[in-house]
């Protein structure tokens, strides 16, 4: 009961900047972060569960004179339908294009809510293949995690692969898509709006939650964050966490570099991955305030980072 009260208190006091839409049990608000560019930010920082009904990832959308570009569609078709409602509160233009930033189901299972209007869904080839082969697993997993709250979701797979830096002109907007070199997970795709200086990075950026590294290439991720800093974005919409800016990129880069260095140092001391967990947690304790969940994520994911450090040592 205390957790339920906390969640509704959080929703009630969240600093919404637009009109809230309540649909399918989700209260969403479109926050305008640049002219015609909106972020839809979840208030939860947890994995999908019965309390948040599976809505644990962020989305963004761009209104153009010929339609809407949606970046990530959520953890279920029901969440996608709620996103559709919040977009309709901003514009009568239909969603014509979708970018699925990566293969984790909380960012693309909502695609089918836009089946009647979407013309192109962009993703990298590896993400397209993964979505096609794993969608049923993600539907079942989220229903198990949420007590059935996410419900059934039909598959609407990506239609166009983007495997190199690509500049699109969508309804008069310049949109740049480029792969992240598998930073957070294989096939991550980043969206850059150069004229608005808005970066929609998917899970390549977490702003106030410890990132998941179980599917990551951490050294590539560190290098990619350096490249994103060089873009000098005014606004960064993360896959998880509040809207941030270039300082958020630098802070995440510092965290991941410290994680790599801490694991490498303990590896050189001859520790196994299991043995080094409490030491790495202590080494990174200065990041606790900015990245809640750090201890749990390190305990869960450290073995994957360990293997990468081991490989780099040869």
Protein backbone atom coordinates (compact mmCIF):
# COMPACT_ATOMS: atom_id res chain seq x y z
CA UNK A 1 0.00 0.00 0.00
CA UNK A 2 2.86 2.40 0.78
CA UNK A 3 4.36 1.82 -2.68
CA UNK A 4 1.01 2.50 -4.36
CA UNK A 5 0.59 5.72 -2.41
CA UNK A 6 4.14 6.79 -3.31
CA UNK A 7 3.53 6.19 -7.01
CA UNK A 8 0.34 8.25 -7.15
CA UNK A 9 1.99 10.99 -5.09
CA UNK A 10 4.83 11.03 -7.61
CA UNK A 11 2.39 11.30 -10.53
CA UNK A 12 0.49 14.09 -8.79
CA UNK A 13 3.60 16.13 -8.03
CA UNK A 14 5.57 15.44 -11.23
CA UNK A 15 6.52 18.75 -12.92
CA UNK A 16 4.33 18.29 -16.00
CA UNK A 17 4.64 21.16 -18.50
CA UNK A 18 1.71 20.30 -20.77
CA UNK A 19 -1.85 19.00 -20.57
CA UNK A 20 -1.90 15.49 -19.11
CA UNK A 21 -3.69 12.67 -20.93
CA UNK A 22 -5.03 9.69 -18.99
CA UNK A 23 -5.62 6.66 -21.22
CA UNK A 24 -5.49 2.89 -20.63
CA UNK A 25 -4.40 3.53 -17.05
CA UNK A 26 -1.40 5.71 -17.98
CA UNK A 27 -1.10 9.41 -17.29
CA UNK A 28 1.22 10.98 -19.84
CA UNK A 29 2.25 14.50 -20.69
CA UNK A 30 4.07 15.87 -23.71
CA UNK A 31 6.85 18.23 -22.60
CA UNK A 32 7.95 20.60 -25.37
CA UNK A 33 11.76 20.61 -25.27
CA UNK A 34 12.26 22.58 -28.53
CA UNK A 35 9.80 24.05 -31.04
CA UNK A 36 7.66 21.14 -32.19
CA UNK A 37 9.79 18.56 -30.35
CA UNK A 38 8.28 16.78 -27.36
CA UNK A 39 9.42 14.34 -24.68
CA UNK A 40 7.07 11.94 -22.89
CA UNK A 41 8.82 11.01 -19.66
CA UNK A 42 7.78 8.21 -17.36
CA UNK A 43 7.87 9.07 -13.63
CA UNK A 44 9.07 5.60 -12.63
CA UNK A 45 12.70 4.52 -12.30
CA UNK A 46 11.96 0.82 -11.90
CA UNK A 47 11.64 -2.15 -14.21
CA UNK A 48 8.13 -2.98 -15.52
CA UNK A 49 5.97 -4.02 -12.57
CA UNK A 50 2.30 -4.05 -11.55
CA UNK A 51 2.56 -0.57 -10.06
CA UNK A 52 3.84 1.22 -13.16
CA UNK A 53 1.88 -1.13 -15.48
CA UNK A 54 4.96 -1.57 -17.65
CA UNK A 55 5.49 2.08 -18.54
CA UNK A 56 9.12 2.51 -17.54
CA UNK A 57 10.78 4.02 -20.65
CA UNK A 58 10.68 7.42 -22.33
CA UNK A 59 9.49 8.41 -25.79
CA UNK A 60 9.86 11.53 -27.91
CA UNK A 61 8.08 12.88 -30.95
CA UNK A 62 8.64 15.54 -33.57
CA UNK A 63 5.77 17.38 -35.24
CA UNK A 64 6.39 18.24 -38.89
CA UNK A 65 4.19 19.80 -41.55
CA UNK A 66 3.59 16.36 -43.07
CA UNK A 67 3.24 14.13 -40.03
CA UNK A 68 4.80 13.05 -36.76
CA UNK A 69 8.06 11.22 -36.12
CA UNK A 70 7.82 9.04 -32.99
CA UNK A 71 10.98 7.87 -31.24
CA UNK A 72 10.25 4.69 -29.27
CA UNK A 73 6.72 3.46 -28.71
CA UNK A 74 6.77 1.89 -25.25
CA UNK A 75 6.44 -1.52 -23.60
CA UNK A 76 3.05 -2.56 -25.00
CA UNK A 77 0.39 -1.78 -27.54
CA UNK A 78 -1.69 -0.26 -24.73
CA UNK A 79 1.15 2.12 -23.89
CA UNK A 80 1.45 2.93 -27.59
CA UNK A 81 -2.25 3.81 -27.65
CA UNK A 82 -1.73 6.14 -24.70
CA UNK A 83 1.16 7.78 -26.57
CA UNK A 84 -1.18 8.16 -29.52
CA UNK A 85 -3.62 10.01 -27.27
CA UNK A 86 -0.98 12.37 -25.90
CA UNK A 87 0.27 13.12 -29.43
CA UNK A 88 -3.30 13.84 -30.52
CA UNK A 89 -3.47 16.42 -27.76
CA UNK A 90 -0.65 18.32 -29.48
CA UNK A 91 -1.35 17.88 -33.19
CA UNK A 92 -3.87 16.40 -35.61
CA UNK A 93 -1.01 15.15 -37.80
CA UNK A 94 -0.70 11.33 -37.86
CA UNK A 95 2.36 9.38 -36.81
CA UNK A 96 3.98 8.58 -40.15
CA UNK A 97 7.46 7.54 -39.03
CA UNK A 98 8.80 5.63 -36.02
CA UNK A 99 12.37 5.04 -34.87
CA UNK A 100 12.96 1.98 -32.69
CA UNK A 101 16.21 2.89 -30.97
CA UNK A 102 17.09 -0.64 -29.88
CA UNK A 103 15.89 -4.20 -29.37
CA UNK A 104 14.70 -4.12 -25.76
CA UNK A 105 10.94 -4.53 -25.77
CA UNK A 106 10.10 -1.52 -23.62
CA UNK A 107 11.00 0.68 -26.62
CA UNK A 108 9.05 -0.89 -29.51
CA UNK A 109 6.14 -3.09 -28.41
CA UNK A 110 3.83 -0.07 -28.82
CA UNK A 111 4.45 0.09 -32.59
CA UNK A 112 1.17 -1.64 -33.47
CA UNK A 113 -0.87 1.20 -31.97
CA UNK A 114 0.14 3.23 -35.04
CA UNK A 115 -0.44 0.55 -37.67
CA UNK A 116 -3.11 2.57 -39.47
CA UNK A 117 -0.87 5.60 -40.10
CA UNK A 118 2.82 4.70 -39.90
CA UNK A 119 4.61 4.44 -43.23
CA UNK A 120 8.18 3.68 -42.16
CA UNK A 121 9.71 2.20 -39.02
CA UNK A 122 13.47 2.68 -38.81
CA UNK A 123 15.92 0.44 -36.94
CA UNK A 124 19.28 -1.16 -37.53
CA UNK A 125 19.33 -4.57 -39.21
CA UNK A 126 20.30 -6.42 -36.04
CA UNK A 127 17.45 -4.77 -34.13
CA UNK A 128 14.98 -5.60 -36.90
CA UNK A 129 16.00 -9.26 -36.76
CA UNK A 130 15.84 -9.36 -32.98
CA UNK A 131 12.40 -7.76 -32.85
CA UNK A 132 11.12 -10.29 -35.37
CA UNK A 133 12.45 -13.26 -33.42
CA UNK A 134 11.92 -12.13 -29.82
CA UNK A 135 8.68 -10.15 -29.77
CA UNK A 136 6.62 -12.97 -28.25
CA UNK A 137 9.18 -13.43 -25.49
CA UNK A 138 8.99 -9.72 -24.62
CA UNK A 139 5.17 -9.74 -24.53
CA UNK A 140 5.15 -12.72 -22.20
CA UNK A 141 7.98 -11.35 -20.04
CA UNK A 142 6.29 -7.99 -19.47
CA UNK A 143 2.94 -9.63 -18.69
CA UNK A 144 4.67 -11.79 -16.12
CA UNK A 145 6.47 -8.79 -14.61
CA UNK A 146 3.33 -6.60 -14.51
CA UNK A 147 0.72 -9.15 -13.49
CA UNK A 148 -0.86 -8.96 -16.93
CA UNK A 149 -1.10 -5.16 -17.04
CA UNK A 150 0.70 -4.80 -20.39
CA UNK A 151 -1.72 -7.18 -22.09
CA UNK A 152 -1.43 -8.45 -25.65
CA UNK A 153 0.69 -6.62 -28.24
CA UNK A 154 0.74 -7.39 -31.94
CA UNK A 155 4.01 -7.34 -33.84
CA UNK A 156 4.66 -4.37 -36.09
CA UNK A 157 8.28 -4.79 -37.10
CA UNK A 158 10.72 -2.22 -38.51
CA UNK A 159 10.50 -1.80 -42.26
CA UNK A 160 13.71 0.13 -43.08
CA UNK A 161 17.20 -0.66 -41.82
CA UNK A 162 19.66 2.11 -41.00
CA UNK A 163 23.18 0.79 -40.47
CA UNK A 164 25.25 3.90 -41.15
CA UNK A 165 24.88 7.61 -40.55
CA UNK A 166 21.80 8.69 -42.50
CA UNK A 167 20.23 12.12 -42.92
CA UNK A 168 16.50 12.22 -43.58
CA UNK A 169 14.20 15.07 -44.52
CA UNK A 170 10.85 14.40 -42.87
CA UNK A 171 8.16 17.00 -43.36
CA UNK A 172 10.69 19.82 -43.57
CA UNK A 173 12.73 18.62 -40.58
CA UNK A 174 16.31 17.41 -40.86
CA UNK A 175 16.73 14.21 -38.88
CA UNK A 176 20.04 12.39 -38.53
CA UNK A 177 20.11 8.71 -37.55
CA UNK A 178 23.33 6.96 -36.64
CA UNK A 179 24.31 3.69 -34.93
CA UNK A 180 26.01 3.87 -31.54
CA UNK A 181 28.52 1.08 -32.24
CA UNK A 182 26.56 -1.27 -29.97
CA UNK A 183 27.09 0.97 -26.95
CA UNK A 184 24.18 0.02 -24.73
CA UNK A 185 23.05 -2.99 -26.76
CA UNK A 186 23.66 -4.47 -30.22
CA UNK A 187 22.29 -2.15 -32.90
CA UNK A 188 21.42 0.95 -30.84
CA UNK A 189 20.29 3.83 -33.05
CA UNK A 190 20.56 7.50 -32.05
CA UNK A 191 18.40 10.38 -33.32
CA UNK A 192 19.91 13.86 -33.74
CA UNK A 193 18.01 17.00 -34.72
CA UNK A 194 20.87 19.34 -35.69
CA UNK A 195 18.85 22.53 -36.16
CA UNK A 196 17.03 22.14 -32.85
CA UNK A 197 20.15 20.65 -31.15
CA UNK A 198 18.02 17.90 -29.62
CA UNK A 199 19.44 14.43 -29.07
CA UNK A 200 17.05 11.50 -28.56
CA UNK A 201 19.47 8.81 -27.52
CA UNK A 202 17.37 5.86 -26.39
CA UNK A 203 19.17 3.86 -23.74
CA UNK A 204 22.58 5.11 -24.81
CA UNK A 205 21.73 7.79 -22.23
CA UNK A 206 20.34 7.28 -18.72
CA UNK A 207 20.09 10.55 -16.81
CA UNK A 208 19.20 9.58 -13.25
CA UNK A 209 19.15 5.81 -13.03
CA UNK A 210 22.00 3.32 -13.11
CA UNK A 211 22.25 2.06 -16.70
CA UNK A 212 21.94 -1.59 -17.60
CA UNK A 213 25.22 -2.94 -18.98
CA UNK A 214 24.34 -6.63 -19.44
CA UNK A 215 23.94 -6.17 -23.21
CA UNK A 216 26.51 -3.38 -23.63
CA UNK A 217 29.93 -2.80 -25.13
CA UNK A 218 31.18 -0.54 -22.36
CA UNK A 219 34.37 0.71 -23.99
CA UNK A 220 32.45 1.61 -27.16
CA UNK A 221 29.81 3.28 -25.00
CA UNK A 222 32.39 5.52 -23.35
CA UNK A 223 33.74 6.54 -26.75
CA UNK A 224 30.26 7.18 -28.12
CA UNK A 225 29.46 9.50 -25.22
CA UNK A 226 32.56 11.51 -26.13
CA UNK A 227 31.17 11.82 -29.67
CA UNK A 228 27.75 12.89 -28.37
CA UNK A 229 29.36 15.58 -26.22
CA UNK A 230 31.06 16.91 -29.34
CA UNK A 231 27.63 17.44 -30.92
CA UNK A 232 26.99 20.02 -28.17
CA UNK A 233 23.28 19.24 -27.71
CA UNK A 234 21.08 21.74 -25.93
CA UNK A 235 18.60 19.02 -24.92
CA UNK A 236 19.05 15.29 -24.42
CA UNK A 237 16.04 12.98 -24.14
CA UNK A 238 17.28 9.80 -22.44
CA UNK A 239 15.76 6.35 -22.68
CA UNK A 240 15.32 6.41 -18.90
CA UNK A 241 15.33 9.41 -16.58
CA UNK A 242 14.55 13.09 -16.82
CA UNK A 243 15.38 15.30 -19.79
CA UNK A 244 19.00 16.38 -19.48
CA UNK A 245 21.74 18.18 -21.41
CA UNK A 246 25.44 17.96 -22.19
CA UNK A 247 26.26 17.79 -18.48
CA UNK A 248 24.19 14.62 -18.25
CA UNK A 249 26.27 13.08 -21.04
CA UNK A 250 29.49 13.97 -19.23
CA UNK A 251 28.21 12.58 -15.94
CA UNK A 252 27.22 9.26 -17.54
CA UNK A 253 30.55 9.05 -19.32
CA UNK A 254 32.35 9.57 -16.00
CA UNK A 255 30.29 6.79 -14.39
CA UNK A 256 30.97 4.25 -17.13
CA UNK A 257 34.68 5.08 -17.23
CA UNK A 258 34.85 4.68 -13.45
CA UNK A 259 33.03 1.33 -13.72
CA UNK A 260 35.50 0.08 -16.32
CA UNK A 261 38.51 1.28 -14.31
CA UNK A 262 37.20 -0.25 -11.08
CA UNK A 263 36.62 -3.65 -12.67
CA UNK A 264 40.00 -3.51 -14.45
CA UNK A 265 41.81 -2.67 -11.21
CA UNK A 266 40.25 -5.58 -9.32
CA UNK A 267 40.87 -7.89 -12.27
CA UNK A 268 44.58 -7.00 -12.13
CA UNK A 269 44.49 -7.89 -8.43
CA UNK A 270 43.34 -11.37 -9.40
CA UNK A 271 39.75 -11.13 -8.13
CA UNK A 272 36.93 -13.04 -9.76
CA UNK A 273 33.81 -11.18 -10.86
CA UNK A 274 31.92 -12.44 -7.81
CA UNK A 275 34.64 -11.38 -5.40
CA UNK A 276 34.97 -7.85 -6.74
CA UNK A 277 31.27 -6.84 -6.55
CA UNK A 278 31.39 -5.17 -3.09
CA UNK A 279 34.68 -3.47 -3.94
CA UNK A 280 33.34 -2.02 -7.20
CA UNK A 281 30.17 -0.87 -5.45
CA UNK A 282 32.33 0.97 -2.92
CA UNK A 283 34.55 2.43 -5.65
CA UNK A 284 31.47 3.90 -7.36
CA UNK A 285 29.66 5.07 -4.24
CA UNK A 286 30.20 8.73 -5.20
CA UNK A 287 27.71 8.20 -8.04
CA UNK A 288 24.89 6.92 -5.80
CA UNK A 289 23.07 10.25 -5.61
CA UNK A 290 22.85 10.67 -9.39
CA UNK A 291 22.29 7.04 -10.36
CA UNK A 292 19.87 5.21 -8.01
CA UNK A 293 19.91 1.44 -8.31
CA UNK A 294 23.67 1.37 -8.72
CA UNK A 295 24.31 -1.43 -6.24
CA UNK A 296 21.66 -3.74 -7.69
CA UNK A 297 22.74 -3.16 -11.28
CA UNK A 298 26.41 -3.75 -10.50
CA UNK A 299 25.59 -7.00 -8.73
CA UNK A 300 23.48 -8.09 -11.71
CA UNK A 301 25.67 -6.92 -14.61
CA UNK A 302 29.26 -6.87 -13.39
CA UNK A 303 30.12 -10.30 -14.83
CA UNK A 304 29.45 -8.99 -18.36
CA UNK A 305 31.79 -6.03 -17.84
CA UNK A 306 34.34 -8.40 -16.31
CA UNK A 307 34.42 -10.49 -19.50
CA UNK A 308 35.00 -7.38 -21.61
CA UNK A 309 37.82 -6.20 -19.35
CA UNK A 310 39.33 -9.70 -19.50
CA UNK A 311 39.17 -9.73 -23.31
CA UNK A 312 40.74 -6.25 -23.51
CA UNK A 313 43.63 -7.40 -21.32
CA UNK A 314 44.88 -9.88 -23.92
